[in-house]
Amino acid sequence: GEAMVTELAEPFAMSRIAVSKHLRVLEAAGLISRCVEGR
């Protein structure tokens, strides 16, 4: 199911920025979509 970036970052021993980089790769491949509501 859908999740916020902060929720996705929780289980990983890496910064939120590093998780965001992984998410950008997934997004560029079309594997995920992102909806931005404010922050």
Full PDB file with SEQRES, HELIX, SHEET, SSBOND, CRYST1, ORIGX, SCALE, CONECT and MASTER records, all heavy atoms in Angstrom:
SEQRES   1 A   39  GLY GLU ALA MET VAL THR GLU LEU ALA GLU PRO PHE ALA          
SEQRES   2 A   39  MET SER ARG ILE ALA VAL SER LYS HIS LEU ARG VAL LEU          
SEQRES   3 A   39  GLU ALA ALA GLY LEU ILE SER ARG CYS VAL GLU GLY ARG          
HELIX    1 AA1 VAL A    5  ALA A    9  1                                   5    
HELIX    2 AA2 ARG A   16  ALA A   28  1                                  13    
CRYST1    1.000    1.000    1.000  90.00  90.00  90.00 P 1           1          
ORIGX1      1.000000  0.000000  0.000000        0.00000                         
ORIGX2      0.000000  1.000000  0.000000        0.00000                         
ORIGX3      0.000000  0.000000  1.000000        0.00000                         
SCALE1      1.000000  0.000000  0.000000        0.00000                         
SCALE2      0.000000  1.000000  0.000000        0.00000                         
SCALE3      0.000000  0.000000  1.000000        0.00000                         
ATOM      1  N   GLY A   1       0.811  -1.214   0.000  1.00  0.00           N  
ATOM      2  CA  GLY A   1       0.000   0.000   0.000  1.00  0.00           C  
ATOM      3  C   GLY A   1       0.840   1.258   0.000  1.00  0.00           C  
ATOM      4  O   GLY A   1       2.046   1.228   0.240  1.00  0.00           O  
ATOM      5  N   GLU A   2       0.171   2.351  -0.283  1.00  0.00           N  
ATOM      6  CA  GLU A   2       0.805   3.663  -0.350  1.00  0.00           C  
ATOM      7  C   GLU A   2       1.516   3.984   0.960  1.00  0.00           C  
ATOM      8  O   GLU A   2       1.077   3.564   2.030  1.00  0.00           O  
ATOM      9  CB  GLU A   2      -0.295   4.688  -0.629  1.00  0.00           C  
ATOM     10  CG  GLU A   2       0.175   6.107  -0.743  1.00  0.00           C  
ATOM     11  CD  GLU A   2      -0.995   7.037  -0.993  1.00  0.00           C  
ATOM     12  OE1 GLU A   2      -1.632   7.455  -0.003  1.00  0.00           O  
ATOM     13  OE2 GLU A   2      -1.262   7.321  -2.167  1.00  0.00           O  
ATOM     14  N   ALA A   3       2.628   4.730   0.877  1.00  0.00           N  
ATOM     15  CA  ALA A   3       3.362   5.109   2.090  1.00  0.00           C  
ATOM     16  C   ALA A   3       4.056   6.447   1.885  1.00  0.00           C  
ATOM     17  O   ALA A   3       4.402   6.819   0.759  1.00  0.00           O  
ATOM     18  CB  ALA A   3       4.395   4.041   2.442  1.00  0.00           C  
ATOM     19  N   MET A   4       4.252   7.154   2.987  1.00  0.00           N  
ATOM     20  CA  MET A   4       5.015   8.402   2.959  1.00  0.00           C  
ATOM     21  C   MET A   4       6.502   8.054   2.932  1.00  0.00           C  
ATOM     22  O   MET A   4       6.904   6.981   3.405  1.00  0.00           O  
ATOM     23  CB  MET A   4       4.703   9.250   4.189  1.00  0.00           C  
ATOM     24  CG  MET A   4       3.270   9.761   4.217  1.00  0.00           C  
ATOM     25  SD  MET A   4       2.937  10.887   5.598  1.00  0.00           S  
ATOM     26  CE  MET A   4       3.296   9.859   7.010  1.00  0.00           C  
ATOM     27  N   VAL A   5       7.301   8.970   2.414  1.00  0.00           N  
ATOM     28  CA  VAL A   5       8.744   8.747   2.334  1.00  0.00           C  
ATOM     29  C   VAL A   5       9.312   8.479   3.726  1.00  0.00           C  
ATOM     30  O   VAL A   5      10.160   7.595   3.895  1.00  0.00           O  
ATOM     31  CB  VAL A   5       9.449   9.936   1.652  1.00  0.00           C  
ATOM     32  CG1 VAL A   5      10.957   9.799   1.731  1.00  0.00           C  
ATOM     33  CG2 VAL A   5       9.001  10.053   0.200  1.00  0.00           C  
ATOM     34  N   THR A   6       8.838   9.195   4.729  1.00  0.00           N  
ATOM     35  CA  THR A   6       9.344   8.970   6.094  1.00  0.00           C  
ATOM     36  C   THR A   6       9.057   7.552   6.556  1.00  0.00           C  
ATOM     37  O   THR A   6       9.892   6.931   7.218  1.00  0.00           O  
ATOM     38  CB  THR A   6       8.731   9.977   7.081  1.00  0.00           C  
ATOM     39  OG1 THR A   6       7.297   9.933   6.966  1.00  0.00           O  
ATOM     40  CG2 THR A   6       9.226  11.385   6.829  1.00  0.00           C  
ATOM     41  N   GLU A   7       7.888   7.019   6.214  1.00  0.00           N  
ATOM     42  CA  GLU A   7       7.547   5.639   6.579  1.00  0.00           C  
ATOM     43  C   GLU A   7       8.443   4.645   5.834  1.00  0.00           C  
ATOM     44  O   GLU A   7       8.861   3.636   6.400  1.00  0.00           O  
ATOM     45  CB  GLU A   7       6.087   5.334   6.240  1.00  0.00           C  
ATOM     46  CG  GLU A   7       5.087   6.133   7.034  1.00  0.00           C  
ATOM     47  CD  GLU A   7       3.669   5.995   6.505  1.00  0.00           C  
ATOM     48  OE1 GLU A   7       3.477   5.831   5.281  1.00  0.00           O  
ATOM     49  OE2 GLU A   7       2.745   6.065   7.340  1.00  0.00           O  
ATOM     50  N   LEU A   8       8.719   4.944   4.583  1.00  0.00           N  
ATOM     51  CA  LEU A   8       9.559   4.057   3.788  1.00  0.00           C  
ATOM     52  C   LEU A   8      10.999   4.038   4.299  1.00  0.00           C  
ATOM     53  O   LEU A   8      11.677   3.011   4.227  1.00  0.00           O  
ATOM     54  CB  LEU A   8       9.537   4.482   2.320  1.00  0.00           C  
ATOM     55  CG  LEU A   8       8.206   4.299   1.602  1.00  0.00           C  
ATOM     56  CD1 LEU A   8       8.229   4.989   0.243  1.00  0.00           C  
ATOM     57  CD2 LEU A   8       7.880   2.828   1.450  1.00  0.00           C  
ATOM     58  N   ALA A   9      11.466   5.167   4.835  1.00  0.00           N  
ATOM     59  CA  ALA A   9      12.843   5.274   5.310  1.00  0.00           C  
ATOM     60  C   ALA A   9      13.071   4.583   6.653  1.00  0.00           C  
ATOM     61  O   ALA A   9      14.198   4.175   6.950  1.00  0.00           O  
ATOM     62  CB  ALA A   9      13.240   6.744   5.409  1.00  0.00           C  
ATOM     63  N   GLU A  10      12.017   4.428   7.457  1.00  0.00           N  
ATOM     64  CA  GLU A  10      12.152   3.906   8.825  1.00  0.00           C  
ATOM     65  C   GLU A  10      12.971   2.617   8.954  1.00  0.00           C  
ATOM     66  O   GLU A  10      13.858   2.544   9.787  1.00  0.00           O  
ATOM     67  CB  GLU A  10      10.773   3.710   9.460  1.00  0.00           C  
ATOM     68  CG  GLU A  10      10.132   4.993   9.909  1.00  0.00           C  
ATOM     69  CD  GLU A  10       8.715   4.772  10.421  1.00  0.00           C  
ATOM     70  OE1 GLU A  10       8.292   3.618  10.575  1.00  0.00           O  
ATOM     71  OE2 GLU A  10       8.030   5.785  10.637  1.00  0.00           O  
ATOM     72  N   PRO A  11      12.696   1.572   8.170  1.00  0.00           N  
ATOM     73  CA  PRO A  11      13.405   0.310   8.414  1.00  0.00           C  
ATOM     74  C   PRO A  11      14.862   0.294   7.951  1.00  0.00           C  
ATOM     75  O   PRO A  11      15.577  -0.666   8.238  1.00  0.00           O  
ATOM     76  CB  PRO A  11      12.598  -0.719   7.624  1.00  0.00           C  
ATOM     77  CG  PRO A  11      11.683   0.023   6.739  1.00  0.00           C  
ATOM     78  CD  PRO A  11      11.663   1.437   7.169  1.00  0.00           C  
ATOM     79  N   PHE A  12      15.326   1.334   7.294  1.00  0.00           N  
ATOM     80  CA  PHE A  12      16.667   1.315   6.721  1.00  0.00           C  
ATOM     81  C   PHE A  12      17.648   2.115   7.567  1.00  0.00           C  
ATOM     82  O   PHE A  12      17.314   3.164   8.100  1.00  0.00           O  
ATOM     83  CB  PHE A  12      16.650   1.872   5.290  1.00  0.00           C  
ATOM     84  CG  PHE A  12      15.793   1.061   4.371  1.00  0.00           C  
ATOM     85  CD1 PHE A  12      14.527   1.499   4.027  1.00  0.00           C  
ATOM     86  CD2 PHE A  12      16.243  -0.144   3.865  1.00  0.00           C  
ATOM     87  CE1 PHE A  12      13.727   0.746   3.179  1.00  0.00           C  
ATOM     88  CE2 PHE A  12      15.454  -0.902   3.027  1.00  0.00           C  
ATOM     89  CZ  PHE A  12      14.185  -0.459   2.689  1.00  0.00           C  
ATOM     90  N   ALA A  13      18.863   1.599   7.657  1.00  0.00           N  
ATOM     91  CA  ALA A  13      19.924   2.287   8.388  1.00  0.00           C  
ATOM     92  C   ALA A  13      20.625   3.245   7.425  1.00  0.00           C  
ATOM     93  O   ALA A  13      21.808   3.109   7.121  1.00  0.00           O  
ATOM     94  CB  ALA A  13      20.914   1.276   8.956  1.00  0.00           C  
ATOM     95  N   MET A  14      19.836   4.183   6.895  1.00  0.00           N  
ATOM     96  CA  MET A  14      20.385   5.188   5.982  1.00  0.00           C  
ATOM     97  C   MET A  14      19.565   6.459   6.130  1.00  0.00           C  
ATOM     98  O   MET A  14      18.458   6.425   6.682  1.00  0.00           O  
ATOM     99  CB  MET A  14      20.392   4.689   4.533  1.00  0.00           C  
ATOM    100  CG  MET A  14      19.025   4.390   3.943  1.00  0.00           C  
ATOM    101  SD  MET A  14      19.071   3.855   2.211  1.00  0.00           S  
ATOM    102  CE  MET A  14      19.801   2.260   2.330  1.00  0.00           C  
ATOM    103  N   SER A  15      20.124   7.529   5.643  1.00  0.00           N  
ATOM    104  CA  SER A  15      19.436   8.814   5.762  1.00  0.00           C  
ATOM    105  C   SER A  15      18.200   8.842   4.862  1.00  0.00           C  
ATOM    106  O   SER A  15      18.084   8.071   3.915  1.00  0.00           O  
ATOM    107  CB  SER A  15      20.387   9.949   5.361  1.00  0.00           C  
ATOM    108  OG  SER A  15      20.653   9.884   3.970  1.00  0.00           O  
ATOM    109  N   ARG A  16      17.310   9.767   5.178  1.00  0.00           N  
ATOM    110  CA  ARG A  16      16.124   9.960   4.353  1.00  0.00           C  
ATOM    111  C   ARG A  16      16.517  10.406   2.941  1.00  0.00           C  
ATOM    112  O   ARG A  16      15.869  10.065   1.968  1.00  0.00           O  
ATOM    113  CB  ARG A  16      15.192  10.969   5.008  1.00  0.00           C  
ATOM    114  CG  ARG A  16      13.746  10.717   4.653  1.00  0.00           C  
ATOM    115  CD  ARG A  16      12.789  11.629   5.382  1.00  0.00           C  
ATOM    116  NE  ARG A  16      12.832  11.436   6.819  1.00  0.00           N  
ATOM    117  CZ  ARG A  16      12.601  12.385   7.712  1.00  0.00           C  
ATOM    118  NH1 ARG A  16      12.303  13.595   7.328  1.00  0.00           N  
ATOM    119  NH2 ARG A  16      12.647  12.145   8.997  1.00  0.00           N  
ATOM    120  N   ILE A  17      17.621  11.148   2.854  1.00  0.00           N  
ATOM    121  CA  ILE A  17      18.120  11.598   1.546  1.00  0.00           C  
ATOM    122  C   ILE A  17      18.544  10.394   0.708  1.00  0.00           C  
ATOM    123  O   ILE A  17      18.249  10.328  -0.494  1.00  0.00           O  
ATOM    124  CB  ILE A  17      19.289  12.597   1.727  1.00  0.00           C  
ATOM    125  CG1 ILE A  17      18.766  13.893   2.336  1.00  0.00           C  
ATOM    126  CG2 ILE A  17      19.995  12.860   0.406  1.00  0.00           C  
ATOM    127  CD1 ILE A  17      19.845  14.862   2.764  1.00  0.00           C  
ATOM    128  N   ALA A  18      19.222   9.427   1.316  1.00  0.00           N  
ATOM    129  CA  ALA A  18      19.643   8.224   0.590  1.00  0.00           C  
ATOM    130  C   ALA A  18      18.424   7.435   0.118  1.00  0.00           C  
ATOM    131  O   ALA A  18      18.395   6.940  -1.019  1.00  0.00           O  
ATOM    132  CB  ALA A  18      20.536   7.359   1.472  1.00  0.00           C  
ATOM    133  N   VAL A  19      17.411   7.319   0.964  1.00  0.00           N  
ATOM    134  CA  VAL A  19      16.181   6.622   0.572  1.00  0.00           C  
ATOM    135  C   VAL A  19      15.514   7.371  -0.571  1.00  0.00           C  
ATOM    136  O   VAL A  19      15.036   6.759  -1.535  1.00  0.00           O  
ATOM    137  CB  VAL A  19      15.226   6.448   1.776  1.00  0.00           C  
ATOM    138  CG1 VAL A  19      13.873   5.932   1.327  1.00  0.00           C  
ATOM    139  CG2 VAL A  19      15.841   5.506   2.805  1.00  0.00           C  
ATOM    140  N   SER A  20      15.515   8.704  -0.502  1.00  0.00           N  
ATOM    141  CA  SER A  20      14.920   9.510  -1.572  1.00  0.00           C  
ATOM    142  C   SER A  20      15.630   9.280  -2.901  1.00  0.00           C  
ATOM    143  O   SER A  20      14.992   9.269  -3.961  1.00  0.00           O  
ATOM    144  CB  SER A  20      14.953  10.991  -1.220  1.00  0.00           C  
ATOM    145  OG  SER A  20      14.011  11.253  -0.210  1.00  0.00           O  
ATOM    146  N   LYS A  21      16.944   9.083  -2.868  1.00  0.00           N  
ATOM    147  CA  LYS A  21      17.686   8.789  -4.105  1.00  0.00           C  
ATOM    148  C   LYS A  21      17.215   7.464  -4.700  1.00  0.00           C  
ATOM    149  O   LYS A  21      17.030   7.355  -5.918  1.00  0.00           O  
ATOM    150  CB  LYS A  21      19.183   8.763  -3.837  1.00  0.00           C  
ATOM    151  CG  LYS A  21      19.774  10.137  -3.613  1.00  0.00           C  
ATOM    152  CD  LYS A  21      21.268  10.055  -3.373  1.00  0.00           C  
ATOM    153  CE  LYS A  21      21.837  11.433  -3.121  1.00  0.00           C  
ATOM    154  NZ  LYS A  21      23.291  11.400  -2.922  1.00  0.00           N  
ATOM    155  N   HIS A  22      17.024   6.465  -3.841  1.00  0.00           N  
ATOM    156  CA  HIS A  22      16.505   5.168  -4.313  1.00  0.00           C  
ATOM    157  C   HIS A  22      15.106   5.343  -4.902  1.00  0.00           C  
ATOM    158  O   HIS A  22      14.779   4.764  -5.943  1.00  0.00           O  
ATOM    159  CB  HIS A  22      16.466   4.148  -3.172  1.00  0.00           C  
ATOM    160  CG  HIS A  22      17.807   3.589  -2.827  1.00  0.00           C  
ATOM    161  ND1 HIS A  22      18.527   2.801  -3.686  1.00  0.00           N  
ATOM    162  CD2 HIS A  22      18.545   3.693  -1.697  1.00  0.00           C  
ATOM    163  CE1 HIS A  22      19.661   2.447  -3.112  1.00  0.00           C  
ATOM    164  NE2 HIS A  22      19.694   2.972  -1.896  1.00  0.00           N  
ATOM    165  N   LEU A  23      14.294   6.146  -4.247  1.00  0.00           N  
ATOM    166  CA  LEU A  23      12.931   6.376  -4.741  1.00  0.00           C  
ATOM    167  C   LEU A  23      12.948   7.079  -6.094  1.00  0.00           C  
ATOM    168  O   LEU A  23      12.125   6.782  -6.957  1.00  0.00           O  
ATOM    169  CB  LEU A  23      12.120   7.173  -3.714  1.00  0.00           C  
ATOM    170  CG  LEU A  23      11.794   6.424  -2.420  1.00  0.00           C  
ATOM    171  CD1 LEU A  23      11.159   7.375  -1.407  1.00  0.00           C  
ATOM    172  CD2 LEU A  23      10.909   5.231  -2.678  1.00  0.00           C  
ATOM    173  N   ARG A  24      13.898   7.996  -6.300  1.00  0.00           N  
ATOM    174  CA  ARG A  24      14.001   8.673  -7.596  1.00  0.00           C  
ATOM    175  C   ARG A  24      14.354   7.686  -8.713  1.00  0.00           C  
ATOM    176  O   ARG A  24      13.851   7.808  -9.833  1.00  0.00           O  
ATOM    177  CB  ARG A  24      15.009   9.814  -7.536  1.00  0.00           C  
ATOM    178  CG  ARG A  24      14.425  11.070  -6.906  1.00  0.00           C  
ATOM    179  CD  ARG A  24      15.271  12.303  -7.154  1.00  0.00           C  
ATOM    180  NE  ARG A  24      16.590  12.250  -6.538  1.00  0.00           N  
ATOM    181  CZ  ARG A  24      16.858  12.552  -5.276  1.00  0.00           C  
ATOM    182  NH1 ARG A  24      15.881  12.930  -4.467  1.00  0.00           N  
ATOM    183  NH2 ARG A  24      18.082  12.497  -4.816  1.00  0.00           N  
ATOM    184  N   VAL A  25      15.208   6.714  -8.412  1.00  0.00           N  
ATOM    185  CA  VAL A  25      15.545   5.686  -9.411  1.00  0.00           C  
ATOM    186  C   VAL A  25      14.299   4.878  -9.750  1.00  0.00           C  
ATOM    187  O   VAL A  25      14.009   4.614 -10.925  1.00  0.00           O  
ATOM    188  CB  VAL A  25      16.686   4.768  -8.909  1.00  0.00           C  
ATOM    189  CG1 VAL A  25      16.900   3.588  -9.846  1.00  0.00           C  
ATOM    190  CG2 VAL A  25      17.981   5.555  -8.740  1.00  0.00           C  
ATOM    191  N   LEU A  26      13.536   4.487  -8.729  1.00  0.00           N  
ATOM    192  CA  LEU A  26      12.295   3.730  -8.951  1.00  0.00           C  
ATOM    193  C   LEU A  26      11.289   4.570  -9.738  1.00  0.00           C  
ATOM    194  O   LEU A  26      10.603   4.058 -10.629  1.00  0.00           O  
ATOM    195  CB  LEU A  26      11.692   3.291  -7.613  1.00  0.00           C  
ATOM    196  CG  LEU A  26      12.493   2.255  -6.839  1.00  0.00           C  
ATOM    197  CD1 LEU A  26      11.942   2.111  -5.418  1.00  0.00           C  
ATOM    198  CD2 LEU A  26      12.492   0.917  -7.561  1.00  0.00           C  
ATOM    199  N   GLU A  27      11.240   5.844  -9.420  1.00  0.00           N  
ATOM    200  CA  GLU A  27      10.312   6.745 -10.109  1.00  0.00           C  
ATOM    201  C   GLU A  27      10.716   6.924 -11.578  1.00  0.00           C  
ATOM    202  O   GLU A  27       9.871   6.895 -12.471  1.00  0.00           O  
ATOM    203  CB  GLU A  27      10.297   8.094  -9.383  1.00  0.00           C  
ATOM    204  CG  GLU A  27       9.118   8.956  -9.671  1.00  0.00           C  
ATOM    205  CD  GLU A  27       9.056  10.159  -8.734  1.00  0.00           C  
ATOM    206  OE1 GLU A  27      10.022  10.443  -7.981  1.00  0.00           O  
ATOM    207  OE2 GLU A  27       8.014  10.827  -8.764  1.00  0.00           O  
ATOM    208  N   ALA A  28      12.019   7.087 -11.841  1.00  0.00           N  
ATOM    209  CA  ALA A  28      12.511   7.249 -13.215  1.00  0.00           C  
ATOM    210  C   ALA A  28      12.227   6.003 -14.055  1.00  0.00           C  
ATOM    211  O   ALA A  28      12.006   6.093 -15.258  1.00  0.00           O  
ATOM    212  CB  ALA A  28      14.009   7.548 -13.205  1.00  0.00           C  
ATOM    213  N   ALA A  29      12.206   4.847 -13.398  1.00  0.00           N  
ATOM    214  CA  ALA A  29      11.902   3.592 -14.091  1.00  0.00           C  
ATOM    215  C   ALA A  29      10.404   3.384 -14.250  1.00  0.00           C  
ATOM    216  O   ALA A  29       9.977   2.430 -14.901  1.00  0.00           O  
ATOM    217  CB  ALA A  29      12.516   2.419 -13.324  1.00  0.00           C  
ATOM    218  N   GLY A  30       9.610   4.259 -13.641  1.00  0.00           N  
ATOM    219  CA  GLY A  30       8.158   4.133 -13.731  1.00  0.00           C  
ATOM    220  C   GLY A  30       7.575   3.115 -12.777  1.00  0.00           C  
ATOM    221  O   GLY A  30       6.400   2.769 -12.863  1.00  0.00           O  
ATOM    222  N   LEU A  31       8.398   2.626 -11.837  1.00  0.00           N  
ATOM    223  CA  LEU A  31       7.938   1.598 -10.899  1.00  0.00           C  
ATOM    224  C   LEU A  31       7.111   2.158  -9.751  1.00  0.00           C  
ATOM    225  O   LEU A  31       6.365   1.423  -9.110  1.00  0.00           O  
ATOM    226  CB  LEU A  31       9.134   0.819 -10.344  1.00  0.00           C  
ATOM    227  CG  LEU A  31       9.793  -0.111 -11.353  1.00  0.00           C  
ATOM    228  CD1 LEU A  31      11.188  -0.501 -10.903  1.00  0.00           C  
ATOM    229  CD2 LEU A  31       8.926  -1.337 -11.573  1.00  0.00           C  
ATOM    230  N   ILE A  32       7.283   3.438  -9.470  1.00  0.00           N  
ATOM    231  CA  ILE A  32       6.474   4.081  -8.433  1.00  0.00           C  
ATOM    232  C   ILE A  32       5.992   5.433  -8.940  1.00  0.00           C  
ATOM    233  O   ILE A  32       6.558   6.003  -9.874  1.00  0.00           O  
ATOM    234  CB  ILE A  32       7.234   4.270  -7.099  1.00  0.00           C  
ATOM    235  CG1 ILE A  32       8.366   5.287  -7.245  1.00  0.00           C  
ATOM    236  CG2 ILE A  32       7.731   2.950  -6.543  1.00  0.00           C  
ATOM    237  CD1 ILE A  32       8.945   5.756  -5.915  1.00  0.00           C  
ATOM    238  N   SER A  33       4.956   5.921  -8.300  1.00  0.00           N  
ATOM    239  CA  SER A  33       4.504   7.291  -8.554  1.00  0.00           C  
ATOM    240  C   SER A  33       4.497   8.010  -7.214  1.00  0.00           C  
ATOM    241  O   SER A  33       4.382   7.389  -6.157  1.00  0.00           O  
ATOM    242  CB  SER A  33       3.124   7.303  -9.208  1.00  0.00           C  
ATOM    243  OG  SER A  33       2.177   6.684  -8.375  1.00  0.00           O  
ATOM    244  N   ARG A  34       4.639   9.316  -7.289  1.00  0.00           N  
ATOM    245  CA  ARG A  34       4.726  10.123  -6.075  1.00  0.00           C  
ATOM    246  C   ARG A  34       3.677  11.222  -6.139  1.00  0.00           C  
ATOM    247  O   ARG A  34       3.500  11.865  -7.157  1.00  0.00           O  
ATOM    248  CB  ARG A  34       6.121  10.729  -5.979  1.00  0.00           C  
ATOM    249  CG  ARG A  34       6.424  11.427  -4.698  1.00  0.00           C  
ATOM    250  CD  ARG A  34       7.764  12.125  -4.756  1.00  0.00           C  
ATOM    251  NE  ARG A  34       8.856  11.256  -5.139  1.00  0.00           N  
ATOM    252  CZ  ARG A  34       9.988  11.132  -4.451  1.00  0.00           C  
ATOM    253  NH1 ARG A  34      10.162  11.830  -3.360  1.00  0.00           N  
ATOM    254  NH2 ARG A  34      10.947  10.353  -4.872  1.00  0.00           N  
ATOM    255  N   CYS A  35       2.995  11.414  -5.030  1.00  0.00           N  
ATOM    256  CA  CYS A  35       2.002  12.476  -4.905  1.00  0.00           C  
ATOM    257  C   CYS A  35       2.507  13.415  -3.810  1.00  0.00           C  
ATOM    258  O   CYS A  35       2.823  12.966  -2.702  1.00  0.00           O  
ATOM    259  CB  CYS A  35       0.651  11.874  -4.523  1.00  0.00           C  
ATOM    260  SG  CYS A  35      -0.610  13.104  -4.204  1.00  0.00           S  
ATOM    261  N   VAL A  36       2.632  14.686  -4.128  1.00  0.00           N  
ATOM    262  CA  VAL A  36       3.150  15.665  -3.169  1.00  0.00           C  
ATOM    263  C   VAL A  36       2.002  16.524  -2.670  1.00  0.00           C  
ATOM    264  O   VAL A  36       1.279  17.138  -3.447  1.00  0.00           O  
ATOM    265  CB  VAL A  36       4.238  16.544  -3.823  1.00  0.00           C  
ATOM    266  CG1 VAL A  36       4.785  17.555  -2.820  1.00  0.00           C  
ATOM    267  CG2 VAL A  36       5.353  15.686  -4.396  1.00  0.00           C  
ATOM    268  N   GLU A  37       1.842  16.536  -1.346  1.00  0.00           N  
ATOM    269  CA  GLU A  37       0.835  17.365  -0.681  1.00  0.00           C  
ATOM    270  C   GLU A  37       1.574  18.227   0.338  1.00  0.00           C  
ATOM    271  O   GLU A  37       1.822  17.780   1.453  1.00  0.00           O  
ATOM    272  CB  GLU A  37      -0.201  16.479   0.012  1.00  0.00           C  
ATOM    273  CG  GLU A  37      -0.949  15.558  -0.927  1.00  0.00           C  
ATOM    274  CD  GLU A  37      -1.727  14.477  -0.174  1.00  0.00           C  
ATOM    275  OE1 GLU A  37      -1.648  14.406   1.078  1.00  0.00           O  
ATOM    276  OE2 GLU A  37      -2.392  13.692  -0.854  1.00  0.00           O  
ATOM    277  N   GLY A  38       1.943  19.443  -0.077  1.00  0.00           N  
ATOM    278  CA  GLY A  38       2.742  20.289   0.797  1.00  0.00           C  
ATOM    279  C   GLY A  38       4.117  19.677   0.979  1.00  0.00           C  
ATOM    280  O   GLY A  38       4.829  19.431   0.016  1.00  0.00           O  
ATOM    281  N   ARG A  39       4.465  19.375   2.229  1.00  0.00           N  
ATOM    282  CA  ARG A  39       5.770  18.764   2.526  1.00  0.00           C  
ATOM    283  C   ARG A  39       5.690  17.241   2.570  1.00  0.00           C  
ATOM    284  O   ARG A  39       6.699  16.580   2.749  1.00  0.00           O  
ATOM    285  CB  ARG A  39       6.281  19.295   3.858  1.00  0.00           C  
ATOM    286  CG  ARG A  39       6.627  20.778   3.777  1.00  0.00           C  
ATOM    287  CD  ARG A  39       7.100  21.313   5.083  1.00  0.00           C  
ATOM    288  NE  ARG A  39       8.144  20.477   5.660  1.00  0.00           N  
ATOM    289  CZ  ARG A  39       8.755  20.733   6.786  1.00  0.00           C  
ATOM    290  NH1 ARG A  39       8.446  21.814   7.463  1.00  0.00           N  
ATOM    291  NH2 ARG A  39       9.677  19.926   7.255  1.00  0.00           N  
TER     292      ARG A  39                                                      
MASTER        0    0    0    2    0    0    0    6  291    1    0    3          
END                                                                             
